[in-house]
């Protein structure tokens, strides 16, 4: 009989795979790989701020909610700077630098707050947030992931063609009456929301890899967008489920295994070109 925690891990992996499999081609075609760098800093700062609030109010659910709020603010600020004339890399660099500095200051405050509450169970939460451990996902975590993931999935599904037009021909989109600013804001919001939703399952350290490489691998295999999307979903699903199964037998963190698998696949394709 399959242990309950393993079943929860497989179900969470399926949802994570669907979200990342659909998002990764957009990240690559729109050139948002550097945005995931800012996502790393914003999620880390949001997590640190959330942990401070969680210690003060003794409520661990504040960690994810605060990280989500901070991440959405950061990605929307980046989108706003882009529309004001900054290049995408400049906008990300400016915002990420402030987020990194605030994160360092936040850690200093967090250590002081933790010293006053040594018995509050926060240390395990910090480790799982950074490295990701899908085996620690609870039923309530799975419900939040499923509901939030379903909402984001249908939004992406409805707007996917518009996001592709935004990626390849934003000027043409505007000439036909499309509001590129609104679509850019929505796309960045989706990227931030998905990052905050799945970070405790895939890990903050490996989030950038699992968000970028599936789409990059699919684009190396085919130029047909439908095949690219299908390949991205297939690669993500296969890697996520395989990493969970291997982690169960080897006691190695599944996020690390998934990153290695994606790196090997990408490297193999790159050497064969």
C-alpha atoms as a PDB file:
ATOM      1  CA  UNK A   1       0.000   0.000   0.000  1.00  0.00           C
ATOM      2  CA  UNK A   2       1.312   3.455  -0.933  1.00  0.00           C
ATOM      3  CA  UNK A   3       2.059   5.617   2.132  1.00  0.00           C
ATOM      4  CA  UNK A   4      -0.213   8.645   2.413  1.00  0.00           C
ATOM      5  CA  UNK A   5       2.667  11.123   2.366  1.00  0.00           C
ATOM      6  CA  UNK A   6       3.994   9.567  -0.861  1.00  0.00           C
ATOM      7  CA  UNK A   7       0.563   9.798  -2.484  1.00  0.00           C
ATOM      8  CA  UNK A   8       0.350  13.470  -1.502  1.00  0.00           C
ATOM      9  CA  UNK A   9       3.805  14.000  -2.995  1.00  0.00           C
ATOM     10  CA  UNK A  10       2.789  12.424  -6.323  1.00  0.00           C
ATOM     11  CA  UNK A  11      -0.419  14.475  -6.491  1.00  0.00           C
ATOM     12  CA  UNK A  12       1.493  17.671  -5.733  1.00  0.00           C
ATOM     13  CA  UNK A  13       4.062  16.754  -8.392  1.00  0.00           C
ATOM     14  CA  UNK A  14       1.330  16.445 -11.008  1.00  0.00           C
ATOM     15  CA  UNK A  15      -0.019  19.917 -10.225  1.00  0.00           C
ATOM     16  CA  UNK A  16       3.473  21.437 -10.155  1.00  0.00           C
ATOM     17  CA  UNK A  17       4.276  19.743 -13.477  1.00  0.00           C
ATOM     18  CA  UNK A  18       1.164  21.122 -15.181  1.00  0.00           C
ATOM     19  CA  UNK A  19       1.852  24.673 -13.981  1.00  0.00           C
ATOM     20  CA  UNK A  20       5.570  24.678 -14.800  1.00  0.00           C
ATOM     21  CA  UNK A  21       5.061  22.759 -18.036  1.00  0.00           C
ATOM     22  CA  UNK A  22       2.719  25.459 -19.341  1.00  0.00           C
ATOM     23  CA  UNK A  23       4.665  28.396 -17.925  1.00  0.00           C
ATOM     24  CA  UNK A  24       8.183  27.393 -18.962  1.00  0.00           C
ATOM     25  CA  UNK A  25       7.732  27.928 -22.745  1.00  0.00           C
ATOM     26  CA  UNK A  26       6.359  31.415 -22.032  1.00  0.00           C
ATOM     27  CA  UNK A  27       9.358  32.200 -19.836  1.00  0.00           C
ATOM     28  CA  UNK A  28      11.691  31.220 -22.671  1.00  0.00           C
ATOM     29  CA  UNK A  29       9.827  32.828 -25.572  1.00  0.00           C
ATOM     30  CA  UNK A  30       9.244  36.097 -23.698  1.00  0.00           C
ATOM     31  CA  UNK A  31      12.807  36.137 -22.346  1.00  0.00           C
ATOM     32  CA  UNK A  32      11.821  36.032 -18.683  1.00  0.00           C
ATOM     33  CA  UNK A  33      14.650  33.822 -17.455  1.00  0.00           C
ATOM     34  CA  UNK A  34      16.220  36.790 -15.656  1.00  0.00           C
ATOM     35  CA  UNK A  35      12.843  37.543 -14.061  1.00  0.00           C
ATOM     36  CA  UNK A  36      13.120  34.246 -12.176  1.00  0.00           C
ATOM     37  CA  UNK A  37      16.277  35.704 -10.594  1.00  0.00           C
ATOM     38  CA  UNK A  38      14.197  38.547  -9.156  1.00  0.00           C
ATOM     39  CA  UNK A  39      11.599  35.955  -8.193  1.00  0.00           C
ATOM     40  CA  UNK A  40      14.247  34.186  -6.089  1.00  0.00           C
ATOM     41  CA  UNK A  41      15.064  37.379  -4.161  1.00  0.00           C
ATOM     42  CA  UNK A  42      11.445  38.427  -3.710  1.00  0.00           C
ATOM     43  CA  UNK A  43      10.354  34.994  -2.494  1.00  0.00           C
ATOM     44  CA  UNK A  44      13.272  34.852  -0.077  1.00  0.00           C
ATOM     45  CA  UNK A  45      12.553  38.340   1.256  1.00  0.00           C
ATOM     46  CA  UNK A  46       8.835  37.527   1.485  1.00  0.00           C
ATOM     47  CA  UNK A  47       9.606  34.296   3.320  1.00  0.00           C
ATOM     48  CA  UNK A  48      11.905  36.024   5.815  1.00  0.00           C
ATOM     49  CA  UNK A  49       9.324  38.746   6.443  1.00  0.00           C
ATOM     50  CA  UNK A  50       6.620  36.081   6.737  1.00  0.00           C
ATOM     51  CA  UNK A  51       8.704  34.105   9.242  1.00  0.00           C
ATOM     52  CA  UNK A  52       9.140  37.213  11.364  1.00  0.00           C
ATOM     53  CA  UNK A  53       5.371  37.731  11.350  1.00  0.00           C
ATOM     54  CA  UNK A  54       4.804  34.005  11.959  1.00  0.00           C
ATOM     55  CA  UNK A  55       6.994  34.155  15.069  1.00  0.00           C
ATOM     56  CA  UNK A  56       5.305  37.283  16.362  1.00  0.00           C
ATOM     57  CA  UNK A  57       1.747  36.032  15.790  1.00  0.00           C
ATOM     58  CA  UNK A  58       2.570  32.296  16.133  1.00  0.00           C
ATOM     59  CA  UNK A  59       0.944  31.445  12.811  1.00  0.00           C
ATOM     60  CA  UNK A  60       3.036  29.592  10.191  1.00  0.00           C
ATOM     61  CA  UNK A  61       0.481  30.223   7.432  1.00  0.00           C
ATOM     62  CA  UNK A  62       1.689  33.824   7.342  1.00  0.00           C
ATOM     63  CA  UNK A  63       4.950  32.672   5.686  1.00  0.00           C
ATOM     64  CA  UNK A  64       3.331  31.676   2.394  1.00  0.00           C
ATOM     65  CA  UNK A  65       0.819  34.539   2.379  1.00  0.00           C
ATOM     66  CA  UNK A  66       3.513  37.151   2.977  1.00  0.00           C
ATOM     67  CA  UNK A  67       5.811  35.608   0.368  1.00  0.00           C
ATOM     68  CA  UNK A  68       2.963  35.675  -2.157  1.00  0.00           C
ATOM     69  CA  UNK A  69       2.132  39.323  -1.414  1.00  0.00           C
ATOM     70  CA  UNK A  70       5.759  40.487  -1.592  1.00  0.00           C
ATOM     71  CA  UNK A  71       6.395  38.540  -4.802  1.00  0.00           C
ATOM     72  CA  UNK A  72       3.343  40.005  -6.532  1.00  0.00           C
ATOM     73  CA  UNK A  73       4.403  43.520  -5.535  1.00  0.00           C
ATOM     74  CA  UNK A  74       7.924  42.909  -6.879  1.00  0.00           C
ATOM     75  CA  UNK A  75       6.888  41.461 -10.255  1.00  0.00           C
ATOM     76  CA  UNK A  76       4.300  44.198 -10.808  1.00  0.00           C
ATOM     77  CA  UNK A  77       6.925  46.816  -9.988  1.00  0.00           C
ATOM     78  CA  UNK A  78       9.248  45.244 -12.568  1.00  0.00           C
ATOM     79  CA  UNK A  79       6.475  45.295 -15.180  1.00  0.00           C
ATOM     80  CA  UNK A  80       5.749  48.954 -14.350  1.00  0.00           C
ATOM     81  CA  UNK A  81       9.414  49.917 -14.772  1.00  0.00           C
ATOM     82  CA  UNK A  82       9.499  48.160 -18.131  1.00  0.00           C
ATOM     83  CA  UNK A  83       6.527  50.161 -19.353  1.00  0.00           C
ATOM     84  CA  UNK A  84       8.240  53.347 -18.149  1.00  0.00           C
ATOM     85  CA  UNK A  85      11.080  52.656 -20.583  1.00  0.00           C
ATOM     86  CA  UNK A  86      13.547  50.548 -18.611  1.00  0.00           C
ATOM     87  CA  UNK A  87      14.910  47.449 -20.324  1.00  0.00           C
ATOM     88  CA  UNK A  88      13.740  44.138 -18.807  1.00  0.00           C
ATOM     89  CA  UNK A  89      17.233  43.383 -17.455  1.00  0.00           C
ATOM     90  CA  UNK A  90      17.573  46.867 -15.924  1.00  0.00           C
ATOM     91  CA  UNK A  91      14.139  46.676 -14.298  1.00  0.00           C
ATOM     92  CA  UNK A  92      14.910  43.255 -12.824  1.00  0.00           C
ATOM     93  CA  UNK A  93      18.376  44.344 -11.676  1.00  0.00           C
ATOM     94  CA  UNK A  94      17.080  47.453  -9.901  1.00  0.00           C
ATOM     95  CA  UNK A  95      14.270  45.698  -8.058  1.00  0.00           C
ATOM     96  CA  UNK A  96      16.271  42.541  -7.286  1.00  0.00           C
ATOM     97  CA  UNK A  97      19.089  44.563  -5.722  1.00  0.00           C
ATOM     98  CA  UNK A  98      16.684  46.254  -3.311  1.00  0.00           C
ATOM     99  CA  UNK A  99      15.018  42.919  -2.522  1.00  0.00           C
ATOM    100  CA  UNK A 100      18.420  41.336  -1.812  1.00  0.00           C
ATOM    101  CA  UNK A 101      19.398  44.141   0.548  1.00  0.00           C
ATOM    102  CA  UNK A 102      16.077  43.955   2.380  1.00  0.00           C
ATOM    103  CA  UNK A 103      16.508  40.178   2.683  1.00  0.00           C
ATOM    104  CA  UNK A 104      19.849  40.573   4.471  1.00  0.00           C
ATOM    105  CA  UNK A 105      18.321  43.118   6.860  1.00  0.00           C
ATOM    106  CA  UNK A 106      15.350  40.797   7.353  1.00  0.00           C
ATOM    107  CA  UNK A 107      17.572  37.900   8.380  1.00  0.00           C
ATOM    108  CA  UNK A 108      19.126  40.081  11.068  1.00  0.00           C
ATOM    109  CA  UNK A 109      15.691  40.883  12.463  1.00  0.00           C
ATOM    110  CA  UNK A 110      14.601  37.238  12.142  1.00  0.00           C
ATOM    111  CA  UNK A 111      17.538  35.956  14.212  1.00  0.00           C
ATOM    112  CA  UNK A 112      16.729  38.429  16.978  1.00  0.00           C
ATOM    113  CA  UNK A 113      13.065  37.447  16.999  1.00  0.00           C
ATOM    114  CA  UNK A 114      13.927  33.725  16.944  1.00  0.00           C
ATOM    115  CA  UNK A 115      16.180  34.188  19.965  1.00  0.00           C
ATOM    116  CA  UNK A 116      13.167  35.289  21.972  1.00  0.00           C
ATOM    117  CA  UNK A 117      11.057  32.322  20.841  1.00  0.00           C
ATOM    118  CA  UNK A 118      13.415  29.315  20.817  1.00  0.00           C
ATOM    119  CA  UNK A 119      10.656  26.716  21.078  1.00  0.00           C
ATOM    120  CA  UNK A 120       8.556  27.835  18.113  1.00  0.00           C
ATOM    121  CA  UNK A 121       8.886  25.214  15.293  1.00  0.00           C
ATOM    122  CA  UNK A 122      10.277  27.431  12.551  1.00  0.00           C
ATOM    123  CA  UNK A 123      13.705  25.994  11.719  1.00  0.00           C
ATOM    124  CA  UNK A 124      12.253  23.029   9.787  1.00  0.00           C
ATOM    125  CA  UNK A 125      10.050  25.390   7.801  1.00  0.00           C
ATOM    126  CA  UNK A 126      13.078  27.482   6.781  1.00  0.00           C
ATOM    127  CA  UNK A 127      14.948  24.422   5.479  1.00  0.00           C
ATOM    128  CA  UNK A 128      11.968  23.063   3.520  1.00  0.00           C
ATOM    129  CA  UNK A 129      11.375  26.496   2.012  1.00  0.00           C
ATOM    130  CA  UNK A 130      14.947  26.781   0.744  1.00  0.00           C
ATOM    131  CA  UNK A 131      15.573  23.221  -0.433  1.00  0.00           C
ATOM    132  CA  UNK A 132      12.013  22.049  -0.987  1.00  0.00           C
ATOM    133  CA  UNK A 133      10.718  18.780   0.397  1.00  0.00           C
ATOM    134  CA  UNK A 134       7.570  17.571  -1.262  1.00  0.00           C
ATOM    135  CA  UNK A 135       7.288  14.725   1.255  1.00  0.00           C
ATOM    136  CA  UNK A 136       6.517  17.263   3.991  1.00  0.00           C
ATOM    137  CA  UNK A 137       3.473  18.624   2.178  1.00  0.00           C
ATOM    138  CA  UNK A 138       0.344  18.397   4.319  1.00  0.00           C
ATOM    139  CA  UNK A 139      -3.232  17.851   3.251  1.00  0.00           C
ATOM    140  CA  UNK A 140      -3.993  21.550   3.734  1.00  0.00           C
ATOM    141  CA  UNK A 141      -0.910  22.436   1.649  1.00  0.00           C
ATOM    142  CA  UNK A 142      -2.114  20.085  -1.079  1.00  0.00           C
ATOM    143  CA  UNK A 143      -5.580  21.644  -1.031  1.00  0.00           C
ATOM    144  CA  UNK A 144      -4.122  25.149  -1.333  1.00  0.00           C
ATOM    145  CA  UNK A 145      -1.846  23.999  -4.170  1.00  0.00           C
ATOM    146  CA  UNK A 146      -4.719  22.295  -5.988  1.00  0.00           C
ATOM    147  CA  UNK A 147      -7.177  25.186  -5.694  1.00  0.00           C
ATOM    148  CA  UNK A 148      -4.626  27.896  -6.441  1.00  0.00           C
ATOM    149  CA  UNK A 149      -3.085  25.813  -9.212  1.00  0.00           C
ATOM    150  CA  UNK A 150      -6.465  25.174 -10.852  1.00  0.00           C
ATOM    151  CA  UNK A 151      -7.284  28.898 -10.893  1.00  0.00           C
ATOM    152  CA  UNK A 152      -3.888  29.790 -12.383  1.00  0.00           C
ATOM    153  CA  UNK A 153      -4.112  26.933 -14.896  1.00  0.00           C
ATOM    154  CA  UNK A 154      -7.431  28.157 -16.324  1.00  0.00           C
ATOM    155  CA  UNK A 155      -6.184  31.756 -16.491  1.00  0.00           C
ATOM    156  CA  UNK A 156      -3.109  30.617 -18.432  1.00  0.00           C
ATOM    157  CA  UNK A 157      -5.233  28.388 -20.659  1.00  0.00           C
ATOM    158  CA  UNK A 158      -7.599  31.217 -21.579  1.00  0.00           C
ATOM    159  CA  UNK A 159      -4.844  33.769 -22.205  1.00  0.00           C
ATOM    160  CA  UNK A 160      -2.110  31.497 -23.589  1.00  0.00           C
ATOM    161  CA  UNK A 161      -2.460  32.620 -27.215  1.00  0.00           C
ATOM    162  CA  UNK A 162      -2.418  36.282 -26.141  1.00  0.00           C
ATOM    163  CA  UNK A 163       0.755  35.684 -24.124  1.00  0.00           C
ATOM    164  CA  UNK A 164       2.376  34.154 -27.209  1.00  0.00           C
ATOM    165  CA  UNK A 165       1.457  37.202 -29.288  1.00  0.00           C
ATOM    166  CA  UNK A 166       2.906  39.358 -26.512  1.00  0.00           C
ATOM    167  CA  UNK A 167       6.125  37.359 -26.654  1.00  0.00           C
ATOM    168  CA  UNK A 168       6.641  37.397 -30.420  1.00  0.00           C
ATOM    169  CA  UNK A 169       4.991  40.589 -31.676  1.00  0.00           C
ATOM    170  CA  UNK A 170       3.973  43.121 -28.987  1.00  0.00           C
ATOM    171  CA  UNK A 171       3.853  45.975 -31.511  1.00  0.00           C
ATOM    172  CA  UNK A 172       1.531  44.018 -33.764  1.00  0.00           C
ATOM    173  CA  UNK A 173      -0.614  43.179 -30.766  1.00  0.00           C
ATOM    174  CA  UNK A 174      -0.934  46.862 -29.923  1.00  0.00           C
ATOM    175  CA  UNK A 175      -1.778  47.759 -33.525  1.00  0.00           C
ATOM    176  CA  UNK A 176      -4.750  45.407 -33.328  1.00  0.00           C
ATOM    177  CA  UNK A 177      -6.001  47.074 -30.142  1.00  0.00           C
ATOM    178  CA  UNK A 178      -4.420  44.729 -27.609  1.00  0.00           C
ATOM    179  CA  UNK A 179      -3.454  46.210 -24.250  1.00  0.00           C
ATOM    180  CA  UNK A 180       0.128  44.985 -23.944  1.00  0.00           C
ATOM    181  CA  UNK A 181       0.576  46.662 -20.559  1.00  0.00           C
ATOM    182  CA  UNK A 182      -2.355  44.753 -19.072  1.00  0.00           C
ATOM    183  CA  UNK A 183      -1.197  41.446 -20.546  1.00  0.00           C
ATOM    184  CA  UNK A 184       2.352  42.036 -19.308  1.00  0.00           C
ATOM    185  CA  UNK A 185       1.062  42.753 -15.792  1.00  0.00           C
ATOM    186  CA  UNK A 186      -1.097  39.614 -15.861  1.00  0.00           C
ATOM    187  CA  UNK A 187       1.757  37.438 -17.131  1.00  0.00           C
ATOM    188  CA  UNK A 188       4.175  38.726 -14.483  1.00  0.00           C
ATOM    189  CA  UNK A 189       1.519  38.258 -11.804  1.00  0.00           C
ATOM    190  CA  UNK A 190       1.016  34.646 -12.899  1.00  0.00           C
ATOM    191  CA  UNK A 191       4.770  33.986 -12.821  1.00  0.00           C
ATOM    192  CA  UNK A 192       5.001  35.422  -9.295  1.00  0.00           C
ATOM    193  CA  UNK A 193       1.898  33.607  -8.037  1.00  0.00           C
ATOM    194  CA  UNK A 194       3.043  30.231  -9.390  1.00  0.00           C
ATOM    195  CA  UNK A 195       6.493  30.748  -7.861  1.00  0.00           C
ATOM    196  CA  UNK A 196       5.015  31.499  -4.443  1.00  0.00           C
ATOM    197  CA  UNK A 197       2.552  28.610  -4.720  1.00  0.00           C
ATOM    198  CA  UNK A 198       5.076  25.869  -5.554  1.00  0.00           C
ATOM    199  CA  UNK A 199       8.223  27.082  -3.789  1.00  0.00           C
ATOM    200  CA  UNK A 200       7.790  24.830  -0.761  1.00  0.00           C
ATOM    201  CA  UNK A 201       7.527  21.770  -3.015  1.00  0.00           C
ATOM    202  CA  UNK A 202      10.357  22.438  -5.496  1.00  0.00           C
ATOM    203  CA  UNK A 203      12.583  24.593  -3.264  1.00  0.00           C
ATOM    204  CA  UNK A 204      13.677  28.188  -3.614  1.00  0.00           C
ATOM    205  CA  UNK A 205      17.245  27.238  -4.567  1.00  0.00           C
ATOM    206  CA  UNK A 206      16.184  25.089  -7.544  1.00  0.00           C
ATOM    207  CA  UNK A 207      13.090  27.072  -8.586  1.00  0.00           C
ATOM    208  CA  UNK A 208      14.858  28.950 -11.384  1.00  0.00           C
ATOM    209  CA  UNK A 209      16.132  25.724 -12.964  1.00  0.00           C
ATOM    210  CA  UNK A 210      12.813  23.851 -12.964  1.00  0.00           C
ATOM    211  CA  UNK A 211      11.017  26.943 -14.272  1.00  0.00           C
ATOM    212  CA  UNK A 212      13.359  27.607 -17.212  1.00  0.00           C
ATOM    213  CA  UNK A 213      14.848  24.303 -18.424  1.00  0.00           C
ATOM    214  CA  UNK A 214      11.687  22.370 -19.461  1.00  0.00           C
ATOM    215  CA  UNK A 215      10.749  25.089 -21.955  1.00  0.00           C
ATOM    216  CA  UNK A 216      14.351  25.430 -23.114  1.00  0.00           C
ATOM    217  CA  UNK A 217      14.549  21.671 -23.713  1.00  0.00           C
ATOM    218  CA  UNK A 218      11.248  21.674 -25.627  1.00  0.00           C
ATOM    219  CA  UNK A 219      12.384  24.578 -27.839  1.00  0.00           C
ATOM    220  CA  UNK A 220      15.561  22.656 -28.697  1.00  0.00           C
ATOM    221  CA  UNK A 221      13.500  19.665 -29.845  1.00  0.00           C
ATOM    222  CA  UNK A 222      10.835  21.455 -31.904  1.00  0.00           C
ATOM    223  CA  UNK A 223       9.834  24.877 -33.225  1.00  0.00           C
ATOM    224  CA  UNK A 224       6.141  24.004 -33.483  1.00  0.00           C
ATOM    225  CA  UNK A 225       4.497  25.746 -30.531  1.00  0.00           C
ATOM    226  CA  UNK A 226       1.981  22.978 -29.882  1.00  0.00           C
ATOM    227  CA  UNK A 227       4.737  20.386 -29.815  1.00  0.00           C
ATOM    228  CA  UNK A 228       6.833  22.683 -27.614  1.00  0.00           C
ATOM    229  CA  UNK A 229       4.012  22.928 -25.091  1.00  0.00           C
ATOM    230  CA  UNK A 230       3.405  19.174 -25.156  1.00  0.00           C
ATOM    231  CA  UNK A 231       7.109  18.410 -24.804  1.00  0.00           C
ATOM    232  CA  UNK A 232       7.467  20.876 -21.913  1.00  0.00           C
ATOM    233  CA  UNK A 233       4.557  19.254 -20.078  1.00  0.00           C
ATOM    234  CA  UNK A 234       5.917  15.762 -20.758  1.00  0.00           C
ATOM    235  CA  UNK A 235       9.450  16.603 -19.604  1.00  0.00           C
ATOM    236  CA  UNK A 236       8.251  18.351 -16.460  1.00  0.00           C
ATOM    237  CA  UNK A 237       5.831  15.581 -15.528  1.00  0.00           C
ATOM    238  CA  UNK A 238       8.369  12.831 -16.172  1.00  0.00           C
ATOM    239  CA  UNK A 239      11.135  14.545 -14.223  1.00  0.00           C
ATOM    240  CA  UNK A 240       8.958  15.499 -11.263  1.00  0.00           C
ATOM    241  CA  UNK A 241       7.398  12.054 -10.831  1.00  0.00           C
ATOM    242  CA  UNK A 242      10.735  10.286 -11.378  1.00  0.00           C
ATOM    243  CA  UNK A 243      12.480  12.498  -8.822  1.00  0.00           C
ATOM    244  CA  UNK A 244       9.817  11.757  -6.202  1.00  0.00           C
ATOM    245  CA  UNK A 245      10.077   7.996  -6.834  1.00  0.00           C
ATOM    246  CA  UNK A 246      13.891   8.051  -6.681  1.00  0.00           C
ATOM    247  CA  UNK A 247      13.880  10.229  -3.578  1.00  0.00           C
ATOM    248  CA  UNK A 248      11.605   7.724  -1.834  1.00  0.00           C
ATOM    249  CA  UNK A 249      14.162   4.937  -2.327  1.00  0.00           C
ATOM    250  CA  UNK A 250      17.387   6.952  -1.958  1.00  0.00           C
ATOM    251  CA  UNK A 251      16.498   9.570   0.702  1.00  0.00           C
ATOM    252  CA  UNK A 252      17.922  12.290  -1.577  1.00  0.00           C
ATOM    253  CA  UNK A 253      15.909  15.556  -1.822  1.00  0.00           C
ATOM    254  CA  UNK A 254      13.636  15.295  -4.899  1.00  0.00           C
ATOM    255  CA  UNK A 255      14.281  18.911  -5.897  1.00  0.00           C
ATOM    256  CA  UNK A 256      17.989  18.158  -6.266  1.00  0.00           C
ATOM    257  CA  UNK A 257      17.284  15.039  -8.330  1.00  0.00           C
ATOM    258  CA  UNK A 258      14.889  16.955 -10.603  1.00  0.00           C
ATOM    259  CA  UNK A 259      17.494  19.660 -11.210  1.00  0.00           C
ATOM    260  CA  UNK A 260      20.168  17.091 -12.083  1.00  0.00           C
ATOM    261  CA  UNK A 261      17.828  15.262 -14.467  1.00  0.00           C
ATOM    262  CA  UNK A 262      16.873  18.458 -16.286  1.00  0.00           C
ATOM    263  CA  UNK A 263      20.517  19.494 -16.494  1.00  0.00           C
ATOM    264  CA  UNK A 264      21.503  16.125 -17.965  1.00  0.00           C
ATOM    265  CA  UNK A 265      18.719  16.230 -20.557  1.00  0.00           C
ATOM    266  CA  UNK A 266      19.577  19.790 -21.585  1.00  0.00           C
ATOM    267  CA  UNK A 267      23.294  19.060 -21.672  1.00  0.00           C
ATOM    268  CA  UNK A 268      22.788  15.932 -23.788  1.00  0.00           C
ATOM    269  CA  UNK A 269      20.685  17.813 -26.333  1.00  0.00           C
ATOM    270  CA  UNK A 270      23.195  20.649 -26.398  1.00  0.00           C
ATOM    271  CA  UNK A 271      26.107  18.277 -27.106  1.00  0.00           C
ATOM    272  CA  UNK A 272      24.196  16.505 -29.898  1.00  0.00           C
ATOM    273  CA  UNK A 273      23.506  19.731 -31.832  1.00  0.00           C
END
